[in-house]
Amino acid sequence: MTAITLNLNPIIHLTDEQFYHLCRANPDVQIERNRKGDLIVMPPTGGWTGNRNIKLAARLELWTDTDGTGIAFDSSTEFNLPNGGDRSPDAAWITLKRWKALTIEEQDVFPPTCPDFVVELAQGFAGGSSGKPLSYAQKPTVSKDYKTR
């Protein structure tokens, strides 16, 4: 399945707070937003991708606990990026220093920051890229697809 992009800008421009409340009011739907303000409805993952996601999140959390210099997040965390988009990476990590610089209120909603480390797995066994990883970069310059089994 592919993501569905909805351009609501001719009708309404959602503020960060309105977007947050829209997502909270629809917990069964994973909604992201690109820097143009288009809403992106993400499909659920398949079995291979779900299995790879849980292994990735577990390994990142184990490393985070051992390392102690940051905090890890799974795919249910949405970040309000500096470029204006709101994205939920498959896994992410932020230094403790940057995390503690956010207020409690900012930590409790979609954190207004770009993670220091982001992982986006290709969907499905065949792989492929949605271009989503580049949305985290201020000035994306390189794109590579990595396929693993």
N, C-alpha and C. Protein backbone atom coordinates (compact mmCIF):
# COMPACT_ATOMS: atom_id res chain seq x y z
N MET A 1 0.84 -1.18 0.00
CA MET A 1 0.00 0.00 0.00
C MET A 1 0.88 1.24 0.00
N THR A 2 0.35 2.30 -0.53
CA THR A 2 1.09 3.55 -0.56
C THR A 2 0.37 4.59 0.29
N ALA A 3 1.10 5.60 0.66
CA ALA A 3 0.55 6.70 1.44
C ALA A 3 -0.38 7.54 0.57
N ILE A 4 -1.35 8.16 1.20
CA ILE A 4 -2.28 9.07 0.52
C ILE A 4 -1.94 10.48 0.96
N THR A 5 -1.76 11.38 0.00
CA THR A 5 -1.45 12.77 0.31
C THR A 5 -2.67 13.63 0.04
N LEU A 6 -3.06 14.44 1.01
CA LEU A 6 -4.21 15.33 0.90
C LEU A 6 -3.74 16.78 0.99
N ASN A 7 -4.04 17.56 -0.03
CA ASN A 7 -3.71 18.98 -0.03
C ASN A 7 -4.93 19.76 0.44
N LEU A 8 -4.92 20.19 1.70
CA LEU A 8 -6.02 20.97 2.26
C LEU A 8 -5.76 22.47 2.23
N ASN A 9 -4.57 22.85 1.76
CA ASN A 9 -4.17 24.26 1.83
C ASN A 9 -5.12 25.22 1.11
N PRO A 10 -5.77 24.84 0.00
CA PRO A 10 -6.72 25.78 -0.58
C PRO A 10 -7.91 26.06 0.33
N ILE A 11 -8.17 25.14 1.28
CA ILE A 11 -9.32 25.28 2.17
C ILE A 11 -8.92 25.80 3.54
N ILE A 12 -7.88 25.18 4.11
CA ILE A 12 -7.46 25.52 5.46
C ILE A 12 -5.97 25.24 5.63
N HIS A 13 -5.30 26.06 6.41
CA HIS A 13 -3.91 25.81 6.79
C HIS A 13 -3.93 25.48 8.27
N LEU A 14 -3.61 24.23 8.61
CA LEU A 14 -3.63 23.80 10.00
C LEU A 14 -2.42 24.33 10.76
N THR A 15 -2.67 24.91 11.92
CA THR A 15 -1.57 25.29 12.80
C THR A 15 -0.98 24.01 13.41
N ASP A 16 0.17 24.13 14.05
CA ASP A 16 0.77 22.98 14.72
C ASP A 16 -0.19 22.40 15.77
N GLU A 17 -0.85 23.28 16.52
CA GLU A 17 -1.78 22.83 17.55
C GLU A 17 -2.99 22.14 16.94
N GLN A 18 -3.54 22.69 15.85
CA GLN A 18 -4.67 22.05 15.18
C GLN A 18 -4.28 20.68 14.62
N PHE A 19 -3.09 20.59 14.03
CA PHE A 19 -2.63 19.31 13.50
C PHE A 19 -2.47 18.29 14.62
N TYR A 20 -1.90 18.70 15.73
CA TYR A 20 -1.75 17.81 16.89
C TYR A 20 -3.11 17.28 17.33
N HIS A 21 -4.10 18.16 17.45
CA HIS A 21 -5.43 17.74 17.90
C HIS A 21 -6.12 16.85 16.86
N LEU A 22 -5.89 17.11 15.58
CA LEU A 22 -6.43 16.24 14.52
C LEU A 22 -5.88 14.82 14.68
N CYS A 23 -4.58 14.71 14.91
CA CYS A 23 -3.96 13.39 15.10
C CYS A 23 -4.48 12.70 16.35
N ARG A 24 -4.62 13.44 17.43
CA ARG A 24 -5.12 12.87 18.69
C ARG A 24 -6.58 12.43 18.56
N ALA A 25 -7.35 13.13 17.75
CA ALA A 25 -8.76 12.78 17.56
C ALA A 25 -8.93 11.57 16.65
N ASN A 26 -7.86 11.17 15.95
CA ASN A 26 -7.90 10.04 15.03
C ASN A 26 -6.75 9.08 15.33
N PRO A 27 -6.76 8.46 16.52
CA PRO A 27 -5.63 7.64 16.93
C PRO A 27 -5.41 6.38 16.09
N ASP A 28 -6.41 5.95 15.36
CA ASP A 28 -6.27 4.75 14.54
C ASP A 28 -5.69 5.04 13.16
N VAL A 29 -5.40 6.30 12.89
CA VAL A 29 -4.86 6.71 11.59
C VAL A 29 -3.51 7.38 11.83
N GLN A 30 -2.48 6.93 11.12
CA GLN A 30 -1.17 7.58 11.24
C GLN A 30 -1.11 8.69 10.20
N ILE A 31 -1.12 9.92 10.69
CA ILE A 31 -1.12 11.10 9.83
C ILE A 31 0.19 11.84 10.01
N GLU A 32 0.82 12.17 8.90
CA GLU A 32 2.02 13.00 8.91
C GLU A 32 1.72 14.24 8.08
N ARG A 33 2.66 15.17 8.06
CA ARG A 33 2.48 16.40 7.29
C ARG A 33 3.81 16.79 6.69
N ASN A 34 3.81 17.11 5.39
CA ASN A 34 5.06 17.55 4.77
C ASN A 34 5.23 19.05 4.98
N ARG A 35 6.36 19.57 4.54
CA ARG A 35 6.66 20.99 4.82
C ARG A 35 5.74 21.95 4.09
N LYS A 36 5.02 21.48 3.06
CA LYS A 36 4.05 22.32 2.35
C LYS A 36 2.70 22.35 3.07
N GLY A 37 2.55 21.49 4.09
CA GLY A 37 1.30 21.43 4.83
C GLY A 37 0.35 20.35 4.35
N ASP A 38 0.74 19.59 3.32
CA ASP A 38 -0.10 18.49 2.85
C ASP A 38 -0.15 17.41 3.92
N LEU A 39 -1.33 16.84 4.13
CA LEU A 39 -1.47 15.74 5.07
C LEU A 39 -1.13 14.44 4.36
N ILE A 40 -0.42 13.56 5.05
CA ILE A 40 -0.01 12.28 4.48
C ILE A 40 -0.57 11.19 5.39
N VAL A 41 -1.50 10.39 4.85
CA VAL A 41 -2.08 9.30 5.59
C VAL A 41 -1.26 8.06 5.28
N MET A 42 -0.59 7.55 6.31
CA MET A 42 0.31 6.43 6.14
C MET A 42 -0.43 5.11 6.30
N PRO A 43 -0.18 4.15 5.41
CA PRO A 43 -0.82 2.84 5.54
C PRO A 43 -0.15 2.02 6.64
N PRO A 44 -0.85 1.00 7.14
CA PRO A 44 -0.19 0.11 8.09
C PRO A 44 0.90 -0.68 7.38
N THR A 45 1.84 -1.20 8.16
CA THR A 45 2.93 -1.99 7.57
C THR A 45 2.49 -3.43 7.38
N GLY A 46 3.23 -4.13 6.53
CA GLY A 46 3.03 -5.57 6.36
C GLY A 46 3.85 -6.34 7.38
N GLY A 47 3.79 -7.65 7.29
CA GLY A 47 4.46 -8.50 8.27
C GLY A 47 5.97 -8.36 8.29
N TRP A 48 6.61 -8.38 7.13
CA TRP A 48 8.08 -8.25 7.09
C TRP A 48 8.52 -6.92 7.69
N THR A 49 7.87 -5.85 7.28
CA THR A 49 8.26 -4.52 7.76
C THR A 49 8.00 -4.39 9.25
N GLY A 50 6.85 -4.89 9.73
CA GLY A 50 6.55 -4.83 11.15
C GLY A 50 7.58 -5.57 11.98
N ASN A 51 8.01 -6.72 11.49
CA ASN A 51 9.03 -7.50 12.18
C ASN A 51 10.37 -6.76 12.21
N ARG A 52 10.74 -6.17 11.09
CA ARG A 52 12.00 -5.41 11.03
C ARG A 52 11.92 -4.18 11.92
N ASN A 53 10.75 -3.52 11.98
CA ASN A 53 10.58 -2.34 12.83
C ASN A 53 10.78 -2.67 14.30
N ILE A 54 10.18 -3.78 14.76
CA ILE A 54 10.29 -4.11 16.19
C ILE A 54 11.72 -4.49 16.55
N LYS A 55 12.40 -5.20 15.66
CA LYS A 55 13.81 -5.54 15.91
C LYS A 55 14.67 -4.29 15.96
N LEU A 56 14.44 -3.38 15.04
CA LEU A 56 15.20 -2.13 15.00
C LEU A 56 14.98 -1.33 16.28
N ALA A 57 13.72 -1.16 16.68
CA ALA A 57 13.42 -0.38 17.87
C ALA A 57 14.04 -1.01 19.12
N ALA A 58 13.97 -2.33 19.21
CA ALA A 58 14.55 -3.02 20.37
C ALA A 58 16.06 -2.82 20.42
N ARG A 59 16.71 -2.95 19.29
CA ARG A 59 18.17 -2.78 19.26
C ARG A 59 18.58 -1.35 19.58
N LEU A 60 17.83 -0.39 19.05
CA LEU A 60 18.14 1.01 19.33
C LEU A 60 17.95 1.30 20.83
N GLU A 61 16.90 0.79 21.42
CA GLU A 61 16.66 1.02 22.85
C GLU A 61 17.73 0.36 23.70
N LEU A 62 18.15 -0.84 23.35
CA LEU A 62 19.23 -1.50 24.10
C LEU A 62 20.52 -0.69 24.02
N TRP A 63 20.85 -0.21 22.83
CA TRP A 63 22.04 0.62 22.67
C TRP A 63 21.90 1.92 23.47
N THR A 64 20.72 2.53 23.42
CA THR A 64 20.48 3.78 24.13
C THR A 64 20.67 3.60 25.63
N ASP A 65 20.13 2.52 26.17
CA ASP A 65 20.30 2.25 27.61
C ASP A 65 21.77 2.05 27.97
N THR A 66 22.50 1.34 27.13
CA THR A 66 23.92 1.09 27.38
C THR A 66 24.75 2.36 27.25
N ASP A 67 24.47 3.13 26.19
CA ASP A 67 25.24 4.34 25.91
C ASP A 67 24.95 5.45 26.92
N GLY A 68 23.68 5.68 27.21
CA GLY A 68 23.29 6.66 28.22
C GLY A 68 23.36 8.13 27.82
N THR A 69 23.64 8.42 26.55
CA THR A 69 23.79 9.84 26.16
C THR A 69 22.58 10.40 25.44
N GLY A 70 21.55 9.58 25.26
CA GLY A 70 20.39 10.07 24.52
C GLY A 70 19.13 9.32 24.88
N ILE A 71 18.08 9.58 24.11
CA ILE A 71 16.78 8.98 24.32
C ILE A 71 16.27 8.48 22.96
N ALA A 72 15.69 7.28 22.96
CA ALA A 72 15.22 6.66 21.72
C ALA A 72 13.70 6.77 21.61
N PHE A 73 13.22 6.72 20.37
CA PHE A 73 11.79 6.82 20.09
C PHE A 73 11.41 5.78 19.05
N ASP A 74 10.18 5.28 19.15
CA ASP A 74 9.70 4.32 18.16
C ASP A 74 8.84 5.05 17.12
N SER A 75 8.20 4.26 16.27
CA SER A 75 7.46 4.83 15.14
C SER A 75 6.17 5.53 15.53
N SER A 76 5.78 5.46 16.79
CA SER A 76 4.56 6.17 17.20
C SER A 76 4.82 7.62 17.60
N THR A 77 6.08 8.03 17.61
CA THR A 77 6.43 9.41 17.97
C THR A 77 6.50 10.27 16.72
N GLU A 78 5.79 11.37 16.73
CA GLU A 78 5.80 12.31 15.61
C GLU A 78 6.61 13.54 16.03
N PHE A 79 7.48 14.00 15.14
CA PHE A 79 8.31 15.17 15.41
C PHE A 79 7.86 16.33 14.54
N ASN A 80 7.78 17.52 15.16
CA ASN A 80 7.50 18.76 14.43
C ASN A 80 8.85 19.30 13.98
N LEU A 81 9.15 19.09 12.69
CA LEU A 81 10.49 19.40 12.17
C LEU A 81 10.68 20.88 11.90
N PRO A 82 11.92 21.35 11.95
CA PRO A 82 12.21 22.76 11.67
C PRO A 82 11.79 23.21 10.27
N ASN A 83 11.71 22.28 9.31
CA ASN A 83 11.32 22.66 7.95
C ASN A 83 9.81 22.80 7.79
N GLY A 84 9.05 22.58 8.88
CA GLY A 84 7.60 22.75 8.83
C GLY A 84 6.83 21.45 8.71
N GLY A 85 7.52 20.35 8.47
CA GLY A 85 6.84 19.06 8.37
C GLY A 85 6.67 18.41 9.73
N ASP A 86 5.82 17.40 9.78
CA ASP A 86 5.61 16.60 10.97
C ASP A 86 5.75 15.15 10.54
N ARG A 87 6.77 14.45 11.06
CA ARG A 87 7.07 13.09 10.60
C ARG A 87 7.26 12.13 11.76
N SER A 88 6.92 10.86 11.49
CA SER A 88 7.10 9.77 12.45
C SER A 88 8.09 8.77 11.87
N PRO A 89 9.36 8.87 12.21
CA PRO A 89 10.32 7.90 11.68
C PRO A 89 10.11 6.53 12.31
N ASP A 90 10.61 5.50 11.66
CA ASP A 90 10.50 4.14 12.20
C ASP A 90 11.24 4.04 13.53
N ALA A 91 12.34 4.74 13.68
CA ALA A 91 13.08 4.82 14.94
C ALA A 91 13.87 6.12 14.91
N ALA A 92 14.08 6.68 16.10
CA ALA A 92 14.82 7.94 16.17
C ALA A 92 15.55 8.02 17.51
N TRP A 93 16.54 8.90 17.56
CA TRP A 93 17.34 9.10 18.76
C TRP A 93 17.73 10.57 18.84
N ILE A 94 17.69 11.11 20.06
CA ILE A 94 18.07 12.51 20.32
C ILE A 94 19.00 12.52 21.53
N THR A 95 20.01 13.38 21.49
CA THR A 95 20.89 13.51 22.65
C THR A 95 20.09 14.01 23.85
N LEU A 96 20.52 13.58 25.04
CA LEU A 96 19.84 14.04 26.26
C LEU A 96 19.91 15.55 26.40
N LYS A 97 21.02 16.14 26.00
CA LYS A 97 21.18 17.59 26.10
C LYS A 97 20.09 18.30 25.28
N ARG A 98 19.87 17.85 24.05
CA ARG A 98 18.85 18.47 23.20
C ARG A 98 17.44 18.18 23.71
N TRP A 99 17.21 16.96 24.22
CA TRP A 99 15.89 16.60 24.74
C TRP A 99 15.56 17.43 25.97
N LYS A 100 16.54 17.59 26.87
CA LYS A 100 16.30 18.35 28.10
C LYS A 100 16.15 19.85 27.83
N ALA A 101 16.60 20.31 26.66
CA ALA A 101 16.43 21.72 26.30
C ALA A 101 14.98 22.04 25.94
N LEU A 102 14.20 21.01 25.64
CA LEU A 102 12.78 21.21 25.34
C LEU A 102 12.01 21.34 26.65
N THR A 103 10.94 22.11 26.63
CA THR A 103 10.10 22.22 27.82
C THR A 103 9.31 20.92 27.99
N ILE A 104 8.76 20.72 29.17
CA ILE A 104 7.92 19.55 29.42
C ILE A 104 6.73 19.55 28.45
N GLU A 105 6.18 20.72 28.20
CA GLU A 105 5.04 20.83 27.27
C GLU A 105 5.46 20.42 25.86
N GLU A 106 6.66 20.82 25.42
CA GLU A 106 7.15 20.45 24.09
C GLU A 106 7.44 18.95 23.99
N GLN A 107 7.91 18.37 25.08
CA GLN A 107 8.18 16.93 25.10
C GLN A 107 6.88 16.13 25.07
N ASP A 108 5.80 16.70 25.58
CA ASP A 108 4.53 16.00 25.72
C ASP A 108 3.70 15.98 24.44
N VAL A 109 3.98 16.90 23.51
CA VAL A 109 3.27 16.92 22.23
C VAL A 109 4.21 16.38 21.16
N PHE A 110 4.09 16.85 19.93
CA PHE A 110 5.04 16.46 18.89
C PHE A 110 6.29 17.30 19.10
N PRO A 111 7.37 16.71 19.60
CA PRO A 111 8.55 17.51 19.93
C PRO A 111 9.02 18.36 18.75
N PRO A 112 9.19 19.66 18.98
CA PRO A 112 9.59 20.58 17.90
C PRO A 112 11.10 20.53 17.67
N THR A 113 11.56 19.44 17.09
CA THR A 113 12.98 19.26 16.85
C THR A 113 13.18 18.18 15.80
N CYS A 114 14.35 18.15 15.24
CA CYS A 114 14.73 17.09 14.31
C CYS A 114 15.64 16.12 15.06
N PRO A 115 15.31 14.83 15.07
CA PRO A 115 16.17 13.88 15.77
C PRO A 115 17.60 13.90 15.23
N ASP A 116 18.54 13.53 16.10
CA ASP A 116 19.95 13.43 15.69
C ASP A 116 20.20 12.21 14.81
N PHE A 117 19.36 11.18 15.00
CA PHE A 117 19.50 9.93 14.26
C PHE A 117 18.10 9.45 13.89
N VAL A 118 17.91 9.13 12.63
CA VAL A 118 16.61 8.68 12.12
C VAL A 118 16.79 7.44 11.26
N VAL A 119 15.89 6.47 11.42
CA VAL A 119 15.88 5.30 10.56
C VAL A 119 14.50 5.18 9.93
N GLU A 120 14.49 5.02 8.62
CA GLU A 120 13.27 4.73 7.87
C GLU A 120 13.53 3.45 7.08
N LEU A 121 12.77 2.42 7.37
CA LEU A 121 12.91 1.17 6.64
C LEU A 121 12.12 1.23 5.35
N ALA A 122 12.65 0.61 4.31
CA ALA A 122 11.91 0.47 3.06
C ALA A 122 10.71 -0.43 3.33
N GLN A 123 9.57 -0.11 2.75
CA GLN A 123 8.37 -0.90 2.98
C GLN A 123 8.38 -2.16 2.14
N GLY A 124 8.06 -3.26 2.77
CA GLY A 124 7.96 -4.53 2.07
C GLY A 124 9.30 -5.21 1.88
N PHE A 125 9.24 -6.46 1.51
CA PHE A 125 10.45 -7.24 1.32
C PHE A 125 11.26 -6.74 0.13
N ALA A 126 10.58 -6.24 -0.91
CA ALA A 126 11.27 -5.81 -2.12
C ALA A 126 12.02 -4.50 -1.93
N GLY A 127 11.72 -3.75 -0.88
CA GLY A 127 12.42 -2.49 -0.64
C GLY A 127 11.84 -1.36 -1.45
N GLY A 128 12.63 -0.32 -1.61
CA GLY A 128 12.16 0.86 -2.32
C GLY A 128 12.11 2.03 -1.36
N SER A 129 12.12 3.23 -1.88
CA SER A 129 12.17 4.40 -1.03
C SER A 129 11.03 5.35 -1.35
N SER A 130 10.44 5.92 -0.31
CA SER A 130 9.38 6.90 -0.46
C SER A 130 9.94 8.31 -0.54
N GLY A 131 11.23 8.47 -0.31
CA GLY A 131 11.83 9.80 -0.24
C GLY A 131 11.65 10.45 1.12
N LYS A 132 10.93 9.79 2.03
CA LYS A 132 10.66 10.34 3.35
C LYS A 132 11.92 10.67 4.15
N PRO A 133 12.97 9.83 4.11
CA PRO A 133 14.16 10.19 4.90
C PRO A 133 14.71 11.57 4.57
N LEU A 134 14.60 12.00 3.35
CA LEU A 134 15.14 13.31 2.98
C LEU A 134 14.35 14.45 3.60
N SER A 135 13.11 14.19 4.04
CA SER A 135 12.31 15.26 4.63
C SER A 135 12.88 15.74 5.96
N TYR A 136 13.76 14.96 6.57
CA TYR A 136 14.37 15.36 7.84
C TYR A 136 15.53 16.31 7.64
N ALA A 137 16.13 16.30 6.46
CA ALA A 137 17.33 17.09 6.20
C ALA A 137 16.96 18.52 5.84
N GLN A 138 17.76 19.47 6.29
CA GLN A 138 17.56 20.87 5.92
C GLN A 138 17.85 21.05 4.43
N LYS A 139 18.97 20.47 3.97
CA LYS A 139 19.37 20.57 2.56
C LYS A 139 19.78 19.18 2.10
N PRO A 140 18.79 18.33 1.74
CA PRO A 140 19.15 16.97 1.34
C PRO A 140 20.03 16.97 0.10
N THR A 141 21.09 16.17 0.14
CA THR A 141 22.01 16.11 -0.99
C THR A 141 22.23 14.70 -1.51
N VAL A 142 22.03 13.69 -0.67
CA VAL A 142 22.29 12.32 -1.08
C VAL A 142 21.12 11.43 -0.68
N SER A 143 20.72 10.54 -1.55
CA SER A 143 19.68 9.58 -1.24
C SER A 143 20.14 8.20 -1.67
N LYS A 144 20.09 7.24 -0.75
CA LYS A 144 20.44 5.86 -1.07
C LYS A 144 19.36 4.95 -0.51
N ASP A 145 19.06 3.89 -1.22
CA ASP A 145 18.15 2.87 -0.72
C ASP A 145 18.98 1.73 -0.16
N TYR A 146 18.69 1.31 1.04
CA TYR A 146 19.37 0.18 1.64
C TYR A 146 18.34 -0.93 1.81
N LYS A 147 18.63 -2.09 1.29
CA LYS A 147 17.72 -3.22 1.36
C LYS A 147 18.36 -4.31 2.21
N THR A 148 17.60 -4.81 3.18
CA THR A 148 18.08 -5.90 4.00
C THR A 148 16.97 -6.92 4.14
N ARG A 149 17.34 -8.09 4.53
CA ARG A 149 16.33 -9.10 4.82
C ARG A 149 16.44 -9.49 6.26
